Protein backbone atom coordinates (compact mmCIF):
# COMPACT_ATOMS: atom_id res chain seq x y z
CA UNK A 1 -0.01 0.03 -0.02
CA UNK A 2 2.22 2.70 -1.19
CA UNK A 3 1.89 6.15 0.36
CA UNK A 4 3.99 9.27 0.35
CA UNK A 5 4.09 12.46 2.03
CA UNK A 6 3.87 15.90 0.47
CA UNK A 7 3.93 14.83 -3.14
CA UNK A 8 1.35 15.88 -5.79
CA UNK A 9 -0.95 13.00 -6.72
CA UNK A 10 -3.19 12.75 -9.64
CA UNK A 11 -6.83 12.68 -8.52
CA UNK A 12 -7.74 9.72 -10.84
CA UNK A 13 -4.83 7.76 -9.38
CA UNK A 14 -4.68 8.31 -5.73
CA UNK A 15 -2.08 5.57 -5.35
CA UNK A 16 -4.63 2.96 -6.40
CA UNK A 17 -1.88 1.50 -8.19
CA UNK A 18 -4.06 -0.79 -10.34
CA UNK A 19 -5.85 0.68 -13.17
CA UNK A 20 -5.68 -2.21 -15.78
CA UNK A 21 -7.40 -5.49 -16.38
CA UNK A 22 -10.61 -4.26 -15.07
CA UNK A 23 -11.93 -2.10 -12.36
CA UNK A 24 -9.75 -1.15 -9.42
CA UNK A 25 -10.76 -2.45 -6.04
CA UNK A 26 -12.62 -0.26 -3.88
CA UNK A 27 -10.46 -0.71 -1.13
CA UNK A 28 -7.08 -0.15 -3.16
CA UNK A 29 -6.73 3.31 -1.74
CA UNK A 30 -6.14 1.76 1.82
CA UNK A 31 -3.89 -1.09 0.36
CA UNK A 32 -2.04 1.36 -1.75
CA UNK A 33 0.85 -0.66 -3.18
CA UNK A 34 4.51 0.25 -3.41
CA UNK A 35 5.25 3.59 -5.55
CA UNK A 36 8.20 5.47 -6.78
CA UNK A 37 7.81 9.12 -7.62
CA UNK A 38 10.08 11.27 -9.63
CA UNK A 39 10.72 14.73 -8.52
CA UNK A 40 13.35 16.63 -10.44
CA UNK A 41 15.43 13.63 -10.93
CA UNK A 42 14.96 12.61 -7.29
CA UNK A 43 13.20 9.33 -6.46
CA UNK A 44 11.09 9.14 -3.24
CA UNK A 45 10.15 5.51 -2.49
CA UNK A 46 6.40 5.10 -1.48
CA UNK A 47 5.70 2.19 0.76
CA UNK A 48 3.20 -0.48 0.39
CA UNK A 49 1.15 -3.01 2.50
CA UNK A 50 2.16 -6.14 4.20
CA UNK A 51 1.80 -7.73 7.80
CA UNK A 52 2.30 -10.03 10.73
CA UNK A 53 1.87 -10.39 14.49
CA UNK A 54 5.45 -9.51 15.45
CA UNK A 55 6.53 -12.61 17.15
CA UNK A 56 10.21 -13.58 16.29
CA UNK A 57 9.95 -17.24 16.06
CA UNK A 58 9.49 -18.97 12.79
CA UNK A 59 6.70 -21.76 12.37
CA UNK A 60 7.43 -25.30 11.89
CA UNK A 61 8.23 -26.10 8.39
CA UNK A 62 4.99 -26.47 6.50
CA UNK A 63 6.26 -28.80 3.93
CA UNK A 64 4.74 -31.07 6.62
CA UNK A 65 1.19 -30.53 5.87
CA UNK A 66 -0.84 -32.19 8.47
CA UNK A 67 -4.38 -33.25 9.63
CA UNK A 68 -5.21 -35.25 12.67
CA UNK A 69 -4.82 -38.63 11.01
CA UNK A 70 -2.86 -37.90 8.03
CA UNK A 71 0.26 -35.65 7.23
CA UNK A 72 2.15 -35.13 3.91
CA UNK A 73 5.79 -33.94 3.15
CA UNK A 74 6.13 -32.16 -0.19
CA UNK A 75 9.20 -33.67 -2.22
CA UNK A 76 10.80 -32.79 -5.20
CA UNK A 77 9.32 -33.31 -8.69
CA UNK A 78 5.52 -33.61 -7.63
CA UNK A 79 5.91 -36.29 -5.11
CA UNK A 80 4.25 -36.35 -1.64
CA UNK A 81 5.42 -38.59 1.18
CA UNK A 82 1.95 -39.38 3.06
CA UNK A 83 1.92 -40.81 6.85
CA UNK A 84 -1.30 -42.25 8.04
CA UNK A 85 -1.28 -41.52 11.86
CA UNK A 86 -2.95 -43.66 14.54
CA UNK A 87 -3.30 -46.69 12.30
CA UNK A 88 -2.14 -50.09 13.32
CA UNK A 89 -5.32 -51.87 14.35
CA UNK A 90 -4.91 -55.57 13.49
CA UNK A 91 -7.94 -55.75 11.34
CA UNK A 92 -7.08 -52.46 9.49
CA UNK A 93 -6.07 -52.44 5.91
CA UNK A 94 -5.41 -48.91 4.43
CA UNK A 95 -5.45 -47.55 0.84
CA UNK A 96 -4.38 -44.01 -0.09
CA UNK A 97 -5.85 -42.77 -3.63
CA UNK A 98 -5.79 -39.29 -5.38
CA UNK A 99 -8.95 -39.79 -7.26
CA UNK A 100 -12.46 -39.27 -5.50
CA UNK A 101 -13.46 -43.14 -6.27
CA UNK A 102 -14.22 -45.33 -3.22
CA UNK A 103 -12.14 -48.47 -3.75
CA UNK A 104 -13.53 -51.82 -3.70
CA UNK A 105 -12.65 -54.19 -0.88
CA UNK A 106 -10.92 -56.19 -3.44
CA UNK A 107 -8.62 -53.31 -4.47
CA UNK A 108 -4.99 -54.13 -4.47
CA UNK A 109 -4.12 -50.83 -3.05
CA UNK A 110 -5.10 -51.92 0.67
CA UNK A 111 -1.99 -52.53 2.66
CA UNK A 112 -2.05 -54.52 5.90
CA UNK A 113 -0.39 -52.48 8.82
CA UNK A 114 0.05 -53.19 12.39
CA UNK A 115 2.41 -50.49 12.90
CA UNK A 116 1.43 -47.12 14.44
CA UNK A 117 1.68 -45.33 11.07
CA UNK A 118 1.96 -46.16 7.46
CA UNK A 119 4.17 -44.20 5.05
CA UNK A 120 3.67 -44.11 1.45
CA UNK A 121 5.10 -41.81 -1.39
CA UNK A 122 2.67 -40.76 -4.10
CA UNK A 123 3.36 -38.98 -7.37
CA UNK A 124 0.74 -36.17 -7.98
CA UNK A 125 -1.25 -37.00 -11.05
CA UNK A 126 -1.65 -34.38 -13.50
CA UNK A 127 0.36 -31.62 -11.57
CA UNK A 128 -1.40 -28.32 -11.68
CA UNK A 129 -0.10 -24.82 -11.18
CA UNK A 130 -3.57 -23.60 -10.11
CA UNK A 131 -5.42 -26.31 -8.44
CA UNK A 132 -4.64 -28.27 -5.34
CA UNK A 133 -4.48 -32.02 -4.97
CA UNK A 134 -6.47 -34.11 -2.55
CA UNK A 135 -5.27 -37.50 -1.24
CA UNK A 136 -7.64 -39.62 0.54
CA UNK A 137 -7.02 -42.77 2.71
CA UNK A 138 -9.54 -45.56 3.20
CA UNK A 139 -9.60 -48.24 5.61
CA UNK A 140 -10.95 -51.80 5.20
CA UNK A 141 -12.53 -53.50 8.07
CA UNK A 142 -13.71 -56.89 7.35
CA UNK A 143 -15.51 -56.35 4.20
CA UNK A 144 -16.53 -52.72 4.81
CA UNK A 145 -14.45 -49.84 3.26
CA UNK A 146 -14.82 -46.40 4.99
CA UNK A 147 -13.19 -43.06 4.50
CA UNK A 148 -10.29 -42.70 6.81
CA UNK A 149 -8.86 -39.10 6.17
CA UNK A 150 -8.20 -36.49 3.51
CA UNK A 151 -5.28 -34.12 2.65
CA UNK A 152 -5.09 -31.23 0.39
CA UNK A 153 -1.69 -30.25 -1.05
CA UNK A 154 -0.28 -27.92 -3.73
CA UNK A 155 -1.03 -29.31 -7.06
CA UNK A 156 2.81 -29.04 -8.12
CA UNK A 157 5.77 -29.07 -6.07
CA UNK A 158 9.33 -27.83 -6.70
CA UNK A 159 12.19 -29.57 -8.86
CA UNK A 160 15.16 -31.65 -7.69
CA UNK A 161 17.07 -28.67 -8.98
CA UNK A 162 15.57 -26.49 -6.30
CA UNK A 163 16.44 -28.73 -3.57
CA UNK A 164 20.04 -29.25 -5.01
CA UNK A 165 20.30 -25.46 -4.74
CA UNK A 166 19.34 -25.56 -1.39
CA UNK A 167 21.82 -28.41 -0.41
CA UNK A 168 24.61 -26.11 -2.24
CA UNK A 169 23.91 -23.31 -0.16
CA UNK A 170 24.79 -25.32 3.00
CA UNK A 171 22.62 -23.01 5.14
CA UNK A 172 20.35 -23.75 8.23
CA UNK A 173 18.23 -20.72 7.49
CA UNK A 174 14.54 -21.30 6.77
CA UNK A 175 14.04 -21.64 2.99
CA UNK A 176 10.74 -21.28 0.93
CA UNK A 177 10.28 -22.47 -2.64
CA UNK A 178 8.16 -20.20 -4.76
CA UNK A 179 6.45 -21.16 -8.27
CA UNK A 180 5.42 -18.37 -10.25
CA UNK A 181 3.61 -18.38 -13.71
CA UNK A 182 2.60 -16.22 -16.62
CA UNK A 183 0.42 -16.75 -19.83
CA UNK A 184 1.77 -14.98 -22.80
CA UNK A 185 0.08 -15.59 -26.13
CA UNK A 186 -0.62 -19.39 -26.11
CA UNK A 187 2.06 -20.51 -23.75
CA UNK A 188 2.36 -20.46 -20.10
CA UNK A 189 5.78 -20.12 -18.33
CA UNK A 190 6.31 -21.63 -15.06
CA UNK A 191 9.31 -20.40 -12.86
CA UNK A 192 10.59 -21.62 -9.67
CA UNK A 193 12.79 -19.95 -6.95
CA UNK A 194 14.21 -20.74 -3.58
CA UNK A 195 14.43 -18.00 -0.89
CA UNK A 196 16.46 -18.20 2.20
CA UNK A 197 15.03 -16.17 5.11
CA UNK A 198 17.19 -14.06 7.48
CA UNK A 199 15.61 -15.37 10.51
CA UNK A 200 18.81 -14.33 12.75
CA UNK A 201 19.32 -10.89 11.17
CA UNK A 202 15.51 -9.96 10.55
CA UNK A 203 13.56 -12.35 12.72
CA UNK A 204 10.34 -10.45 12.90
CA UNK A 205 10.08 -9.92 9.13
CA UNK A 206 11.09 -13.71 8.32
CA UNK A 207 8.62 -15.02 10.75
CA UNK A 208 5.97 -12.87 9.55
CA UNK A 209 6.53 -13.92 5.91
CA UNK A 210 6.75 -17.77 6.90
CA UNK A 211 3.22 -17.27 8.89
CA UNK A 212 1.60 -16.25 5.43
CA UNK A 213 3.45 -18.96 3.49
CA UNK A 214 2.43 -21.69 6.12
CA UNK A 215 -1.23 -20.49 6.01
CA UNK A 216 -1.23 -20.76 2.26
CA UNK A 217 -2.02 -16.99 2.18
CA UNK A 218 0.24 -16.40 -0.90
CA UNK A 219 -1.10 -19.41 -2.94
CA UNK A 220 -2.72 -17.97 -6.18
CA UNK A 221 -1.91 -14.36 -5.51
CA UNK A 222 -0.39 -12.16 -7.95
CA UNK A 223 2.57 -9.79 -8.61
CA UNK A 224 0.68 -6.57 -9.17
CA UNK A 225 3.32 -3.88 -9.62
CA UNK A 226 6.52 -3.48 -11.43
CA UNK A 227 9.13 -0.74 -11.49
CA UNK A 228 11.93 -0.74 -13.94
CA UNK A 229 13.96 2.37 -14.38
CA UNK A 230 17.39 3.55 -14.35
CA UNK A 231 17.43 4.34 -10.59
CA UNK A 232 15.52 1.27 -9.28
CA UNK A 233 13.49 -1.67 -10.09
CA UNK A 234 11.18 -4.08 -8.18
CA UNK A 235 8.53 -6.74 -8.52
CA UNK A 236 5.82 -6.43 -5.75
CA UNK A 237 3.00 -8.94 -4.60
CA UNK A 238 1.74 -10.62 -1.82
CA UNK A 239 -1.62 -8.52 -1.42
CA UNK A 240 -4.08 -9.25 -4.22
CA UNK A 241 -5.53 -12.02 -6.27
CA UNK A 242 -6.99 -11.66 -10.00
CA UNK A 243 -9.78 -13.32 -11.48
CA UNK A 244 -8.90 -12.63 -15.06
CA UNK A 245 -10.53 -9.41 -15.29
CA UNK A 246 -10.16 -7.55 -11.86
CA UNK A 247 -7.92 -7.28 -8.96
CA UNK A 248 -9.17 -8.11 -5.35
CA UNK A 249 -7.46 -7.67 -2.05
CA UNK A 250 -6.40 -10.78 -0.43
CA UNK A 251 -7.71 -10.93 3.14
CA UNK A 252 -7.36 -11.40 6.18
CA UNK A 253 -4.00 -10.16 6.94
CA UNK A 254 -2.18 -10.55 10.33
CA UNK A 255 -1.34 -7.67 12.51
CA UNK A 256 1.22 -5.06 11.26
CA UNK A 257 4.95 -5.76 12.28
CA UNK A 258 7.62 -3.18 13.29
CA UNK A 259 10.19 -2.07 10.91
CA UNK A 260 13.47 -3.85 11.07
CA UNK A 261 15.58 -1.18 9.43
CA UNK A 262 18.60 -2.21 7.18
CA UNK A 263 20.76 -0.27 9.66
CA UNK A 264 19.91 -2.54 12.53
CA UNK A 265 19.87 -5.71 10.41
CA UNK A 266 22.82 -5.12 8.18
CA UNK A 267 20.81 -6.28 5.19
CA UNK A 268 20.89 -4.02 2.23
CA UNK A 269 18.72 -3.96 -0.95
CA UNK A 270 21.07 -5.70 -3.23
CA UNK A 271 20.12 -7.72 -6.20
CA UNK A 272 17.95 -10.83 -5.62
CA UNK A 273 16.82 -9.91 -2.10
CA UNK A 274 13.32 -9.49 -0.92
CA UNK A 275 11.97 -6.92 1.54
CA UNK A 276 8.78 -5.97 3.32
CA UNK A 277 6.37 -3.31 1.51
CA UNK A 278 4.41 -1.07 3.87
CA UNK A 279 2.51 2.29 4.22
CA UNK A 280 3.99 5.67 5.39
CA UNK A 281 3.94 4.40 8.78
CA UNK A 282 7.22 2.44 9.19
CA UNK A 283 5.70 -0.16 11.25
CA UNK A 284 2.76 -1.16 9.00
CA UNK A 285 4.02 -3.94 7.15
CA UNK A 286 1.63 -6.83 6.70
CA UNK A 287 1.55 -9.39 3.75
CA UNK A 288 3.04 -7.38 0.76
CA UNK A 289 6.47 -7.88 -0.14
CA UNK A 290 8.92 -6.78 -2.98
CA UNK A 291 11.90 -8.18 -4.80
CA UNK A 292 14.91 -6.43 -5.84
CA UNK A 293 16.08 -7.53 -9.18
CA UNK A 294 19.03 -5.18 -8.99
CA UNK A 295 20.79 -3.32 -6.47
CA UNK A 296 18.36 -0.78 -4.92
CA UNK A 297 20.24 1.31 -2.28
CA UNK A 298 17.65 4.02 -2.20
CA UNK A 299 15.44 1.77 -0.43
CA UNK A 300 17.91 1.09 2.60
CA UNK A 301 17.56 2.83 5.69
CA UNK A 302 19.46 6.21 6.56
CA UNK A 303 19.43 9.15 8.67
CA UNK A 304 16.96 10.63 6.25
CA UNK A 305 14.54 7.74 5.53
CA UNK A 306 13.11 4.73 7.36
CA UNK A 307 13.87 2.51 4.50
CA UNK A 308 12.24 -1.10 3.96
CA UNK A 309 13.09 -4.25 5.79
CA UNK A 310 15.21 -6.83 3.95
CA UNK A 311 14.53 -10.23 5.09
CA UNK A 312 15.67 -12.72 2.73
CA UNK A 313 17.68 -13.62 -0.53
CA UNK A 314 17.10 -15.90 -3.57
CA UNK A 315 19.59 -18.59 -3.90
CA UNK A 316 17.79 -20.14 -7.04
CA UNK A 317 15.78 -18.84 -9.86
CA UNK A 318 16.93 -15.07 -9.04
CA UNK A 319 16.99 -14.36 -12.65
CA UNK A 320 13.01 -14.92 -12.62
CA UNK A 321 12.42 -11.38 -11.47
CA UNK A 322 14.52 -9.73 -14.16
CA UNK A 323 12.77 -11.77 -16.93
CA UNK A 324 9.44 -10.74 -15.63
CA UNK A 325 10.44 -7.13 -15.83
CA UNK A 326 11.77 -7.56 -19.42
CA UNK A 327 8.92 -9.96 -20.98
CA UNK A 328 5.68 -9.24 -19.33
CA UNK A 329 3.69 -6.45 -20.93
CA UNK A 330 2.80 -3.61 -18.47
CA UNK A 331 0.13 -0.85 -18.58
CA UNK A 332 1.35 2.50 -19.52
CA UNK A 333 1.40 4.87 -16.36
CA UNK A 334 2.27 8.67 -16.66
CA UNK A 335 5.73 10.05 -15.60
CA UNK A 336 4.05 11.46 -12.41
CA UNK A 337 3.91 7.78 -11.26
CA UNK A 338 7.60 7.32 -11.59
CA UNK A 339 7.48 4.54 -13.89
CA UNK A 340 5.72 2.16 -11.59
CA UNK A 341 3.16 -0.21 -13.65
CA UNK A 342 0.68 -2.94 -13.32
CA UNK A 343 1.24 -6.07 -15.69
CA UNK A 344 -1.46 -6.23 -18.31
CA UNK A 345 -1.41 -10.00 -17.95
CA UNK A 346 -1.77 -11.78 -14.52
CA UNK A 347 1.64 -12.72 -12.96
CA UNK A 348 0.67 -15.55 -10.45
CA UNK A 349 2.62 -16.69 -7.32
CA UNK A 350 1.06 -20.08 -7.63
CA UNK A 351 2.49 -21.79 -4.59
CA UNK A 352 4.91 -20.90 -1.77
CA UNK A 353 6.02 -23.45 0.77
CA UNK A 354 8.80 -23.99 3.07
CA UNK A 355 11.43 -26.61 2.06
CA UNK A 356 13.67 -26.16 4.96
């Protein structure tokens, strides 16, 4: 939600930031995304929206998706390791399926288990960038088949290449894999990237981002603002969805978090870093974030400006953001808006989940 202090605004823009692909949401004026304004060759960075409750601890790795009777760990190349919990009754035989059909008692998928859990790895059939996949477990008791539990997981997982990049990084920091996609002409381009979160240097911002990831908040959101100029560039997301015609604010967000300045964290806005977007209030970040495709020292904190909190860096797929800036058509804004534009085709953040 970008806002700025004493800068002239066009009445028809009012920092709504989204003037393409349909009508601007009514509440965009309160969720004003990140803006840069040019004033006599000087750039003033406007904030944007984002959020969290301010705790400094990270959540358990959500690549373990759990329900009371079933859990799943997302693995590379569209594979899920499923664990049935609390089984082990002598008469129990269990079957895990991805389709909705009820298996017959004679189905060969039933596995006899007398242990306390049953673990199976399943490939996701028909991997999807937009749809979730549901696995259902069934129990056979005598000749009766009944439903045991169901688990919904992202319809596509990251590749082995992403996991290899994480291994090469040799870091114990929390890591998130992000799948983005755009449709240009007749083709759809899917990109993946791996983000290391600076949970030690920027614990509040990193924990905040992980909460949104763990809740699935970012799934099927869009990157709604691009900036490409000689002074700065960015790709911003985390606050909106798009239905093919209109943007809509993604809700609810968590409580806003305090600013972790780049002075206190020692983390600058260098190429391939990620930072919290916010409003004029330095302590107003909730869900929105932006990626720095290039070095953007103008966003760092100083004696003259609060700056924006950097909380992570990409170790895989960092070229994704430069490619988006260079290939995705954008709407034409006036020079008053400092070159900040909205994509004329939706750029989706399909899935984001923790892999470490």
